[in-house]
Amino acid sequence: MRRLGAAALLAVLALVLLPGVAHAWTPGTHIYLGESVLANLASSVTAGGPPLLAGNGKDETHLLVVATAERGLCGAFNSSIVRLAREHIARLQDQGKTVKILCVGKKGFEQLRRQYERNIIEVIELRGVKQMGFDNADEIGKKIIRMFEEGDFDVATLFFSRFKSVIAQIPTAQQLIPAQIPSNENAPPVEGPQASYEYEPGQDEILSTLLPRNISVQVFRALLENAASEQGARMSAMDNATRNAGDMIKKQTTIYNRSRQAMITKELIEIISGAEAL
C-alpha cells in the first residue's frame, strides 16, 4: 500500500474540492443577461443618478477590499493578490489620496499589516465557513454600502483572483463604487432577437434596488472565483512540492548508495592489502 505525503494529500484534497467550487459560479448567458439589463438601465440615466452608480462627486478616499484565502500552502495565490493591491495603494498614495483597506481573509491581512497596518480598518475572516453562500457576500456588500452612505470613502475597489484554469489564476481589481457597468460588446452572443425592456416602476427606483444587489453579487462572484483559484493553486503547488520531494529523495538515495559503495570498496581494498602483506 502506497503512503501519501502531506503535500500529496493536500493536492488530492484540492483536486476533490476544485470541481465543486469551480462550477458554483459559471458566468453563463443568464449572468450576462442580468448585466445587460443593468447596463441598459444605467445608459438611460440622464443627469446624476443613484450615488452607487454616479458616485458622490469626490475622489479623495479610496476603500480597497482585498479578498484572499484563510490558509496558505497554495503557491503564489495570496501574494499575487496582495502584490496587485500594494501597487494600487502606492499609486493612490503618490497621488495624495487617502487609502483604507478592508481585508477579507486572514492571509491578506497578515501580509498587508507589515506595511499598511494603519490603513486597515477591519478584517473579515471566513475560516469557519464550510460552504460559501450568498449570505456571506451579502453581509460584506451591505457593510461596504453602509460605509459609503456614512461618507467613509468615495471609491471602492475589490481585489481577488479570477479563475481561468487549474494552472492559471489572474489577480483582478474591480471597481465597485461608482459602479462600472460592463458593455454589452463583451457578452456572449444570444440567439434570437434582442430584448427590448420596458420598466415599471421608474428606472431610478429599479436602480436603487438593483445596484446594492449588484455589489453583493460581485462580492459573491469574487469569493467563489477566489475559492476555485485557491484550490487550483494549491493542487498545482502541492503537485510541484511532491515532485520536487521525489526528485530530492532520488538524488539523496543516489548519493547514499555511492558513499556506501565507496566505503565497501575501501574496506575490500584494505582486506586484500592486509592478506597480501601476510
C-alpha atoms as a PDB file:
ATOM      1  CA  MET A   1       0.000   0.000   0.000  1.00  0.00           C
ATOM      2  CA  ARG A   2       1.457   3.353  -1.062  1.00  0.00           C
ATOM      3  CA  ARG A   3       1.660   6.122   1.516  1.00  0.00           C
ATOM      4  CA  LEU A   4       0.972   9.718   0.535  1.00  0.00           C
ATOM      5  CA  GLY A   5       2.949  12.597   1.967  1.00  0.00           C
ATOM      6  CA  ALA A   6       1.385  15.769   3.330  1.00  0.00           C
ATOM      7  CA  ALA A   7       1.842  17.635   0.043  1.00  0.00           C
ATOM      8  CA  ALA A   8       0.307  14.786  -1.941  1.00  0.00           C
ATOM      9  CA  LEU A   9      -2.654  14.607   0.434  1.00  0.00           C
ATOM     10  CA  LEU A  10      -3.267  18.360   0.068  1.00  0.00           C
ATOM     11  CA  ALA A  11      -3.057  18.031  -3.712  1.00  0.00           C
ATOM     12  CA  VAL A  12      -5.625  15.219  -3.667  1.00  0.00           C
ATOM     13  CA  LEU A  13      -7.880  17.250  -1.342  1.00  0.00           C
ATOM     14  CA  ALA A  14      -7.661  20.259  -3.656  1.00  0.00           C
ATOM     15  CA  LEU A  15      -8.481  18.021  -6.628  1.00  0.00           C
ATOM     16  CA  VAL A  16     -11.599  16.796  -4.828  1.00  0.00           C
ATOM     17  CA  LEU A  17     -12.746  20.287  -3.782  1.00  0.00           C
ATOM     18  CA  LEU A  18     -11.952  22.068  -7.047  1.00  0.00           C
ATOM     19  CA  PRO A  19     -14.866  20.833  -9.208  1.00  0.00           C
ATOM     20  CA  GLY A  20     -17.448  21.955  -6.652  1.00  0.00           C
ATOM     21  CA  VAL A  21     -16.154  25.495  -6.231  1.00  0.00           C
ATOM     22  CA  ALA A  22     -15.255  25.865  -9.910  1.00  0.00           C
ATOM     23  CA  HIS A  23     -18.804  25.075 -11.020  1.00  0.00           C
ATOM     24  CA  ALA A  24     -20.500  27.006  -8.215  1.00  0.00           C
ATOM     25  CA  TRP A  25     -20.055  30.112 -10.331  1.00  0.00           C
ATOM     26  CA  THR A  26     -20.168  29.718 -14.106  1.00  0.00           C
ATOM     27  CA  PRO A  27     -20.569  33.035 -15.955  1.00  0.00           C
ATOM     28  CA  GLY A  28     -23.228  31.849 -18.378  1.00  0.00           C
ATOM     29  CA  THR A  29     -25.688  33.635 -20.569  1.00  0.00           C
ATOM     30  CA  HIS A  30     -28.090  34.423 -17.716  1.00  0.00           C
ATOM     31  CA  ILE A  31     -25.365  36.383 -15.907  1.00  0.00           C
ATOM     32  CA  TYR A  32     -24.713  38.492 -18.950  1.00  0.00           C
ATOM     33  CA  LEU A  33     -28.432  38.988 -19.418  1.00  0.00           C
ATOM     34  CA  GLY A  34     -28.650  40.405 -15.883  1.00  0.00           C
ATOM     35  CA  GLU A  35     -25.692  42.686 -16.553  1.00  0.00           C
ATOM     36  CA  SER A  36     -27.272  43.643 -19.870  1.00  0.00           C
ATOM     37  CA  VAL A  37     -30.415  44.832 -18.083  1.00  0.00           C
ATOM     38  CA  LEU A  38     -28.289  46.814 -15.613  1.00  0.00           C
ATOM     39  CA  ALA A  39     -26.219  48.319 -18.434  1.00  0.00           C
ATOM     40  CA  ASN A  40     -29.398  49.238 -20.305  1.00  0.00           C
ATOM     41  CA  LEU A  41     -30.795  50.942 -17.240  1.00  0.00           C
ATOM     42  CA  ALA A  42     -27.563  52.766 -16.451  1.00  0.00           C
ATOM     43  CA  SER A  43     -27.146  54.050 -20.006  1.00  0.00           C
ATOM     44  CA  SER A  44     -30.637  55.526 -19.970  1.00  0.00           C
ATOM     45  CA  VAL A  45     -29.994  57.578 -16.834  1.00  0.00           C
ATOM     46  CA  THR A  46     -29.534  61.183 -17.865  1.00  0.00           C
ATOM     47  CA  ALA A  47     -28.273  63.572 -15.192  1.00  0.00           C
ATOM     48  CA  GLY A  48     -26.877  62.392 -11.912  1.00  0.00           C
ATOM     49  CA  GLY A  49     -28.272  59.032 -10.999  1.00  0.00           C
ATOM     50  CA  PRO A  50     -28.026  56.982  -7.800  1.00  0.00           C
ATOM     51  CA  PRO A  51     -24.801  57.586  -5.811  1.00  0.00           C
ATOM     52  CA  LEU A  52     -23.785  53.925  -6.168  1.00  0.00           C
ATOM     53  CA  LEU A  53     -23.764  54.443  -9.945  1.00  0.00           C
ATOM     54  CA  ALA A  54     -22.563  58.030 -10.317  1.00  0.00           C
ATOM     55  CA  GLY A  55     -20.537  58.336  -7.127  1.00  0.00           C
ATOM     56  CA  ASN A  56     -20.553  61.255  -4.719  1.00  0.00           C
ATOM     57  CA  GLY A  57     -18.560  63.586  -6.946  1.00  0.00           C
ATOM     58  CA  LYS A  58     -15.316  63.152  -4.993  1.00  0.00           C
ATOM     59  CA  ASP A  59     -12.208  61.055  -5.487  1.00  0.00           C
ATOM     60  CA  GLU A  60     -10.202  61.587  -2.308  1.00  0.00           C
ATOM     61  CA  THR A  61     -10.730  58.500  -0.138  1.00  0.00           C
ATOM     62  CA  HIS A  62     -10.412  55.013  -1.584  1.00  0.00           C
ATOM     63  CA  LEU A  63     -11.562  51.778   0.041  1.00  0.00           C
ATOM     64  CA  LEU A  64      -9.677  48.665  -1.067  1.00  0.00           C
ATOM     65  CA  VAL A  65     -11.459  45.377  -0.386  1.00  0.00           C
ATOM     66  CA  VAL A  66      -8.694  42.757  -0.552  1.00  0.00           C
ATOM     67  CA  ALA A  67     -10.093  39.215  -0.684  1.00  0.00           C
ATOM     68  CA  THR A  68      -7.603  36.397  -0.069  1.00  0.00           C
ATOM     69  CA  ALA A  69      -7.610  32.902   1.415  1.00  0.00           C
ATOM     70  CA  GLU A  70      -7.716  31.874   5.056  1.00  0.00           C
ATOM     71  CA  ARG A  71      -4.940  29.309   4.607  1.00  0.00           C
ATOM     72  CA  GLY A  72      -1.589  29.088   2.896  1.00  0.00           C
ATOM     73  CA  LEU A  73       0.191  26.295   1.017  1.00  0.00           C
ATOM     74  CA  CYS A  74      -1.354  27.449  -2.264  1.00  0.00           C
ATOM     75  CA  GLY A  75       1.643  28.815  -4.123  1.00  0.00           C
ATOM     76  CA  ALA A  76       1.571  32.487  -5.106  1.00  0.00           C
ATOM     77  CA  PHE A  77      -2.226  32.756  -4.880  1.00  0.00           C
ATOM     78  CA  ASN A  78      -2.342  35.098  -1.873  1.00  0.00           C
ATOM     79  CA  SER A  79       0.839  37.029  -2.624  1.00  0.00           C
ATOM     80  CA  SER A  80      -0.234  37.823  -6.198  1.00  0.00           C
ATOM     81  CA  ILE A  81      -3.468  39.456  -4.980  1.00  0.00           C
ATOM     82  CA  VAL A  82      -1.609  41.373  -2.276  1.00  0.00           C
ATOM     83  CA  ARG A  83       1.020  42.484  -4.794  1.00  0.00           C
ATOM     84  CA  LEU A  84      -1.665  43.938  -7.053  1.00  0.00           C
ATOM     85  CA  ALA A  85      -3.247  45.712  -4.061  1.00  0.00           C
ATOM     86  CA  ARG A  86       0.134  47.140  -2.976  1.00  0.00           C
ATOM     87  CA  GLU A  87       0.753  48.520  -6.456  1.00  0.00           C
ATOM     88  CA  HIS A  88      -2.682  50.172  -6.371  1.00  0.00           C
ATOM     89  CA  ILE A  89      -2.048  51.588  -2.885  1.00  0.00           C
ATOM     90  CA  ALA A  90       1.333  53.009  -3.890  1.00  0.00           C
ATOM     91  CA  ARG A  91      -0.194  54.637  -6.968  1.00  0.00           C
ATOM     92  CA  LEU A  92      -3.009  56.208  -4.940  1.00  0.00           C
ATOM     93  CA  GLN A  93      -0.663  57.468  -2.227  1.00  0.00           C
ATOM     94  CA  ASP A  94       1.595  59.036  -4.843  1.00  0.00           C
ATOM     95  CA  GLN A  95      -1.470  60.979  -5.994  1.00  0.00           C
ATOM     96  CA  GLY A  96      -2.137  62.165  -2.434  1.00  0.00           C
ATOM     97  CA  LYS A  97      -5.243  60.016  -1.927  1.00  0.00           C
ATOM     98  CA  THR A  98      -6.391  58.563   1.386  1.00  0.00           C
ATOM     99  CA  VAL A  99      -6.419  54.768   1.396  1.00  0.00           C
ATOM    100  CA  LYS A 100      -8.483  52.483   3.628  1.00  0.00           C
ATOM    101  CA  ILE A 101      -8.211  48.688   3.492  1.00  0.00           C
ATOM    102  CA  LEU A 102     -10.881  46.106   4.270  1.00  0.00           C
ATOM    103  CA  CYS A 103      -9.296  42.645   4.406  1.00  0.00           C
ATOM    104  CA  VAL A 104     -11.446  39.620   3.619  1.00  0.00           C
ATOM    105  CA  GLY A 105      -9.295  36.641   4.543  1.00  0.00           C
ATOM    106  CA  LYS A 106      -6.508  36.113   7.058  1.00  0.00           C
ATOM    107  CA  LYS A 107      -3.582  35.747   4.661  1.00  0.00           C
ATOM    108  CA  GLY A 108      -4.088  39.104   3.012  1.00  0.00           C
ATOM    109  CA  PHE A 109      -4.203  40.802   6.400  1.00  0.00           C
ATOM    110  CA  GLU A 110      -1.002  39.089   7.541  1.00  0.00           C
ATOM    111  CA  GLN A 111       0.879  40.376   4.509  1.00  0.00           C
ATOM    112  CA  LEU A 112      -0.593  43.880   4.359  1.00  0.00           C
ATOM    113  CA  ARG A 113      -0.282  44.716   8.047  1.00  0.00           C
ATOM    114  CA  ARG A 114       3.517  44.732   7.834  1.00  0.00           C
ATOM    115  CA  GLN A 115       3.411  47.841   5.678  1.00  0.00           C
ATOM    116  CA  TYR A 116      -0.125  49.242   5.894  1.00  0.00           C
ATOM    117  CA  GLU A 117      -1.348  48.374   9.388  1.00  0.00           C
ATOM    118  CA  ARG A 118      -2.634  51.923   9.969  1.00  0.00           C
ATOM    119  CA  ASN A 119      -4.684  51.781   6.781  1.00  0.00           C
ATOM    120  CA  ILE A 120      -6.502  48.542   7.678  1.00  0.00           C
ATOM    121  CA  ILE A 121      -9.903  49.372   9.146  1.00  0.00           C
ATOM    122  CA  GLU A 122     -11.324  45.861   9.547  1.00  0.00           C
ATOM    123  CA  VAL A 123     -10.580  42.192   8.951  1.00  0.00           C
ATOM    124  CA  ILE A 124     -13.333  39.748   7.960  1.00  0.00           C
ATOM    125  CA  GLU A 125     -12.359  36.109   8.451  1.00  0.00           C
ATOM    126  CA  LEU A 126     -14.292  33.302   6.770  1.00  0.00           C
ATOM    127  CA  ARG A 127     -12.355  30.409   8.281  1.00  0.00           C
ATOM    128  CA  GLY A 128     -15.474  28.932   9.893  1.00  0.00           C
ATOM    129  CA  VAL A 129     -17.481  28.994   6.641  1.00  0.00           C
ATOM    130  CA  LYS A 130     -17.642  25.463   5.235  1.00  0.00           C
ATOM    131  CA  GLN A 131     -19.776  26.263   2.185  1.00  0.00           C
ATOM    132  CA  MET A 132     -19.532  29.757   0.740  1.00  0.00           C
ATOM    133  CA  GLY A 133     -23.015  31.182   0.285  1.00  0.00           C
ATOM    134  CA  PHE A 134     -24.578  34.400  -0.931  1.00  0.00           C
ATOM    135  CA  ASP A 135     -25.356  35.407   2.652  1.00  0.00           C
ATOM    136  CA  ASN A 136     -21.638  35.731   3.371  1.00  0.00           C
ATOM    137  CA  ALA A 137     -21.150  38.012   0.376  1.00  0.00           C
ATOM    138  CA  ASP A 138     -24.340  39.968   1.093  1.00  0.00           C
ATOM    139  CA  GLU A 139     -23.094  40.795   4.585  1.00  0.00           C
ATOM    140  CA  ILE A 140     -19.854  42.175   3.155  1.00  0.00           C
ATOM    141  CA  GLY A 141     -21.731  44.052   0.428  1.00  0.00           C
ATOM    142  CA  LYS A 142     -24.072  45.702   2.927  1.00  0.00           C
ATOM    143  CA  LYS A 143     -21.094  46.718   5.062  1.00  0.00           C
ATOM    144  CA  ILE A 144     -19.470  48.409   2.054  1.00  0.00           C
ATOM    145  CA  ILE A 145     -22.699  50.233   1.162  1.00  0.00           C
ATOM    146  CA  ARG A 146     -23.207  51.347   4.767  1.00  0.00           C
ATOM    147  CA  MET A 147     -19.670  52.772   4.901  1.00  0.00           C
ATOM    148  CA  PHE A 148     -20.273  54.606   1.612  1.00  0.00           C
ATOM    149  CA  GLU A 149     -23.555  56.110   2.834  1.00  0.00           C
ATOM    150  CA  GLU A 150     -21.804  57.269   6.008  1.00  0.00           C
ATOM    151  CA  GLY A 151     -19.174  59.055   3.931  1.00  0.00           C
ATOM    152  CA  ASP A 152     -16.234  56.849   4.914  1.00  0.00           C
ATOM    153  CA  PHE A 153     -14.913  56.640   1.338  1.00  0.00           C
ATOM    154  CA  ASP A 154     -15.525  57.873  -2.196  1.00  0.00           C
ATOM    155  CA  VAL A 155     -14.356  54.970  -4.374  1.00  0.00           C
ATOM    156  CA  ALA A 156     -14.354  51.236  -3.595  1.00  0.00           C
ATOM    157  CA  THR A 157     -12.239  48.647  -5.431  1.00  0.00           C
ATOM    158  CA  LEU A 158     -12.378  44.878  -4.978  1.00  0.00           C
ATOM    159  CA  PHE A 159      -9.255  42.720  -5.325  1.00  0.00           C
ATOM    160  CA  PHE A 160      -9.480  38.980  -5.958  1.00  0.00           C
ATOM    161  CA  SER A 161      -8.110  36.232  -8.205  1.00  0.00           C
ATOM    162  CA  ARG A 162     -10.090  35.348 -11.318  1.00  0.00           C
ATOM    163  CA  PHE A 163     -10.174  31.626 -12.056  1.00  0.00           C
ATOM    164  CA  LYS A 164      -9.023  30.824 -15.583  1.00  0.00           C
ATOM    165  CA  SER A 165      -7.758  27.258 -15.215  1.00  0.00           C
ATOM    166  CA  VAL A 166      -6.109  24.968 -12.669  1.00  0.00           C
ATOM    167  CA  ILE A 167      -2.687  26.365 -13.538  1.00  0.00           C
ATOM    168  CA  ALA A 168      -3.717  29.949 -14.318  1.00  0.00           C
ATOM    169  CA  GLN A 169      -5.295  32.414 -11.901  1.00  0.00           C
ATOM    170  CA  ILE A 170      -5.422  36.115 -12.758  1.00  0.00           C
ATOM    171  CA  PRO A 171      -5.204  38.783  -9.986  1.00  0.00           C
ATOM    172  CA  THR A 172      -8.022  41.224 -10.690  1.00  0.00           C
ATOM    173  CA  ALA A 173      -9.056  44.677  -9.486  1.00  0.00           C
ATOM    174  CA  GLN A 174     -12.715  45.590  -9.996  1.00  0.00           C
ATOM    175  CA  GLN A 175     -14.254  48.915  -9.087  1.00  0.00           C
ATOM    176  CA  LEU A 176     -17.469  48.528  -7.109  1.00  0.00           C
ATOM    177  CA  ILE A 177     -18.396  52.140  -6.326  1.00  0.00           C
ATOM    178  CA  PRO A 178     -19.059  54.057  -8.519  1.00  0.00           C
ATOM    179  CA  ALA A 179     -20.308  51.020 -10.404  1.00  0.00           C
ATOM    180  CA  GLN A 180     -18.525  50.122 -13.610  1.00  0.00           C
ATOM    181  CA  ILE A 181     -21.187  48.669 -15.875  1.00  0.00           C
ATOM    182  CA  PRO A 182     -19.746  46.226 -18.440  1.00  0.00           C
ATOM    183  CA  SER A 183     -20.514  46.938 -22.072  1.00  0.00           C
ATOM    184  CA  ASN A 184     -22.662  44.517 -23.988  1.00  0.00           C
ATOM    185  CA  GLU A 185     -19.850  44.050 -26.523  1.00  0.00           C
ATOM    186  CA  ASN A 186     -18.173  41.504 -24.230  1.00  0.00           C
ATOM    187  CA  ALA A 187     -21.335  39.474 -23.709  1.00  0.00           C
ATOM    188  CA  PRO A 188     -21.690  36.132 -25.460  1.00  0.00           C
ATOM    189  CA  PRO A 189     -23.976  36.132 -28.493  1.00  0.00           C
ATOM    190  CA  VAL A 190     -27.602  35.445 -27.630  1.00  0.00           C
ATOM    191  CA  GLU A 191     -29.694  33.599 -30.169  1.00  0.00           C
ATOM    192  CA  GLY A 192     -32.902  35.176 -31.366  1.00  0.00           C
ATOM    193  CA  PRO A 193     -33.994  38.832 -31.441  1.00  0.00           C
ATOM    194  CA  GLN A 194     -32.532  41.285 -28.961  1.00  0.00           C
ATOM    195  CA  ALA A 195     -34.708  42.137 -25.980  1.00  0.00           C
ATOM    196  CA  SER A 196     -36.375  45.480 -25.582  1.00  0.00           C
ATOM    197  CA  TYR A 197     -37.032  46.492 -21.985  1.00  0.00           C
ATOM    198  CA  GLU A 198     -39.899  48.442 -20.509  1.00  0.00           C
ATOM    199  CA  TYR A 199     -39.516  49.327 -16.851  1.00  0.00           C
ATOM    200  CA  GLU A 200     -42.172  49.684 -14.230  1.00  0.00           C
ATOM    201  CA  PRO A 201     -41.899  51.469 -11.843  1.00  0.00           C
ATOM    202  CA  GLY A 202     -39.386  54.114 -12.912  1.00  0.00           C
ATOM    203  CA  GLN A 203     -35.783  53.381 -13.769  1.00  0.00           C
ATOM    204  CA  ASP A 204     -34.420  55.239 -10.746  1.00  0.00           C
ATOM    205  CA  GLU A 205     -36.481  53.102  -8.367  1.00  0.00           C
ATOM    206  CA  ILE A 206     -35.276  49.912 -10.046  1.00  0.00           C
ATOM    207  CA  LEU A 207     -31.642  51.048  -9.966  1.00  0.00           C
ATOM    208  CA  SER A 208     -31.886  51.933  -6.288  1.00  0.00           C
ATOM    209  CA  THR A 209     -32.755  48.279  -5.612  1.00  0.00           C
ATOM    210  CA  LEU A 210     -30.616  46.657  -8.294  1.00  0.00           C
ATOM    211  CA  LEU A 211     -27.315  48.456  -7.624  1.00  0.00           C
ATOM    212  CA  PRO A 212     -26.924  47.352  -3.967  1.00  0.00           C
ATOM    213  CA  ARG A 213     -27.805  43.826  -5.045  1.00  0.00           C
ATOM    214  CA  ASN A 214     -25.218  44.037  -7.808  1.00  0.00           C
ATOM    215  CA  ILE A 215     -22.475  44.879  -5.297  1.00  0.00           C
ATOM    216  CA  SER A 216     -23.312  41.792  -3.242  1.00  0.00           C
ATOM    217  CA  VAL A 217     -23.369  39.685  -6.413  1.00  0.00           C
ATOM    218  CA  GLN A 218     -19.941  40.989  -7.454  1.00  0.00           C
ATOM    219  CA  VAL A 219     -18.546  40.217  -3.997  1.00  0.00           C
ATOM    220  CA  PHE A 220     -20.081  36.741  -4.161  1.00  0.00           C
ATOM    221  CA  ARG A 221     -18.548  36.126  -7.568  1.00  0.00           C
ATOM    222  CA  ALA A 222     -15.153  37.271  -6.249  1.00  0.00           C
ATOM    223  CA  LEU A 223     -15.366  34.913  -3.274  1.00  0.00           C
ATOM    224  CA  LEU A 224     -16.273  31.955  -5.481  1.00  0.00           C
ATOM    225  CA  GLU A 225     -13.593  32.834  -8.025  1.00  0.00           C
ATOM    226  CA  ASN A 226     -11.140  33.006  -5.115  1.00  0.00           C
ATOM    227  CA  ALA A 227     -12.253  29.626  -3.786  1.00  0.00           C
ATOM    228  CA  ALA A 228     -11.762  27.952  -7.172  1.00  0.00           C
ATOM    229  CA  SER A 229      -8.441  29.738  -7.750  1.00  0.00           C
ATOM    230  CA  GLU A 230      -7.204  28.770  -4.292  1.00  0.00           C
ATOM    231  CA  GLN A 231      -7.875  25.070  -4.809  1.00  0.00           C
ATOM    232  CA  GLY A 232      -6.354  25.155  -8.288  1.00  0.00           C
ATOM    233  CA  ALA A 233      -3.240  26.930  -6.998  1.00  0.00           C
ATOM    234  CA  ARG A 234      -2.979  24.536  -4.040  1.00  0.00           C
ATOM    235  CA  MET A 235      -3.271  21.490  -6.292  1.00  0.00           C
ATOM    236  CA  SER A 236      -0.505  22.792  -8.579  1.00  0.00           C
ATOM    237  CA  ALA A 237       1.718  23.867  -5.673  1.00  0.00           C
ATOM    238  CA  MET A 238       1.391  20.571  -3.810  1.00  0.00           C
ATOM    239  CA  ASP A 239       1.892  18.585  -7.008  1.00  0.00           C
ATOM    240  CA  ASN A 240       5.125  20.510  -7.622  1.00  0.00           C
ATOM    241  CA  ALA A 241       6.166  20.023  -3.993  1.00  0.00           C
ATOM    242  CA  THR A 242       5.550  16.268  -4.232  1.00  0.00           C
ATOM    243  CA  ARG A 243       7.514  16.064  -7.468  1.00  0.00           C
ATOM    244  CA  ASN A 244      10.402  18.101  -6.045  1.00  0.00           C
ATOM    245  CA  ALA A 245      10.448  15.964  -2.896  1.00  0.00           C
ATOM    246  CA  GLY A 246      10.581  12.814  -5.031  1.00  0.00           C
ATOM    247  CA  ASP A 247      13.490  14.213  -7.046  1.00  0.00           C
ATOM    248  CA  MET A 248      15.306  15.139  -3.837  1.00  0.00           C
ATOM    249  CA  ILE A 249      14.773  11.648  -2.398  1.00  0.00           C
ATOM    250  CA  LYS A 250      16.161  10.075  -5.574  1.00  0.00           C
ATOM    251  CA  LYS A 251      19.167  12.394  -5.506  1.00  0.00           C
ATOM    252  CA  GLN A 252      19.914  11.717  -1.836  1.00  0.00           C
ATOM    253  CA  THR A 253      19.429   7.951  -2.342  1.00  0.00           C
ATOM    254  CA  THR A 254      21.956   8.017  -5.186  1.00  0.00           C
ATOM    255  CA  ILE A 255      24.463   9.921  -3.025  1.00  0.00           C
ATOM    256  CA  TYR A 256      23.926   7.455  -0.167  1.00  0.00           C
ATOM    257  CA  ASN A 257      24.397   4.413  -2.410  1.00  0.00           C
ATOM    258  CA  ARG A 258      27.573   5.837  -3.933  1.00  0.00           C
ATOM    259  CA  SER A 259      29.006   6.631  -0.497  1.00  0.00           C
ATOM    260  CA  ARG A 260      28.101   3.153   0.744  1.00  0.00           C
ATOM    261  CA  GLN A 261      29.681   1.540  -2.323  1.00  0.00           C
ATOM    262  CA  ALA A 262      32.828   3.606  -1.839  1.00  0.00           C
ATOM    263  CA  MET A 263      33.095   2.502   1.791  1.00  0.00           C
ATOM    264  CA  ILE A 264      32.629  -1.173   0.830  1.00  0.00           C
ATOM    265  CA  THR A 265      35.246  -0.860  -1.900  1.00  0.00           C
ATOM    266  CA  LYS A 266      37.670   0.778   0.527  1.00  0.00           C
ATOM    267  CA  GLU A 267      37.177  -1.986   3.110  1.00  0.00           C
ATOM    268  CA  LEU A 268      37.733  -4.672   0.468  1.00  0.00           C
ATOM    269  CA  ILE A 269      40.943  -2.991  -0.670  1.00  0.00           C
ATOM    270  CA  GLU A 270      42.152  -2.874   2.927  1.00  0.00           C
ATOM    271  CA  ILE A 271      41.347  -6.565   3.465  1.00  0.00           C
ATOM    272  CA  ILE A 272      43.097  -7.582   0.226  1.00  0.00           C
ATOM    273  CA  SER A 273      46.117  -5.417   1.036  1.00  0.00           C
ATOM    274  CA  GLY A 274      46.370  -6.972   4.510  1.00  0.00           C
ATOM    275  CA  ALA A 275      46.119 -10.514   3.121  1.00  0.00           C
ATOM    276  CA  GLU A 276      48.895  -9.817   0.588  1.00  0.00           C
ATOM    277  CA  ALA A 277      51.086  -8.379   3.325  1.00  0.00           C
ATOM    278  CA  LEU A 278      50.825 -11.645   5.262  1.00  0.00           C
END
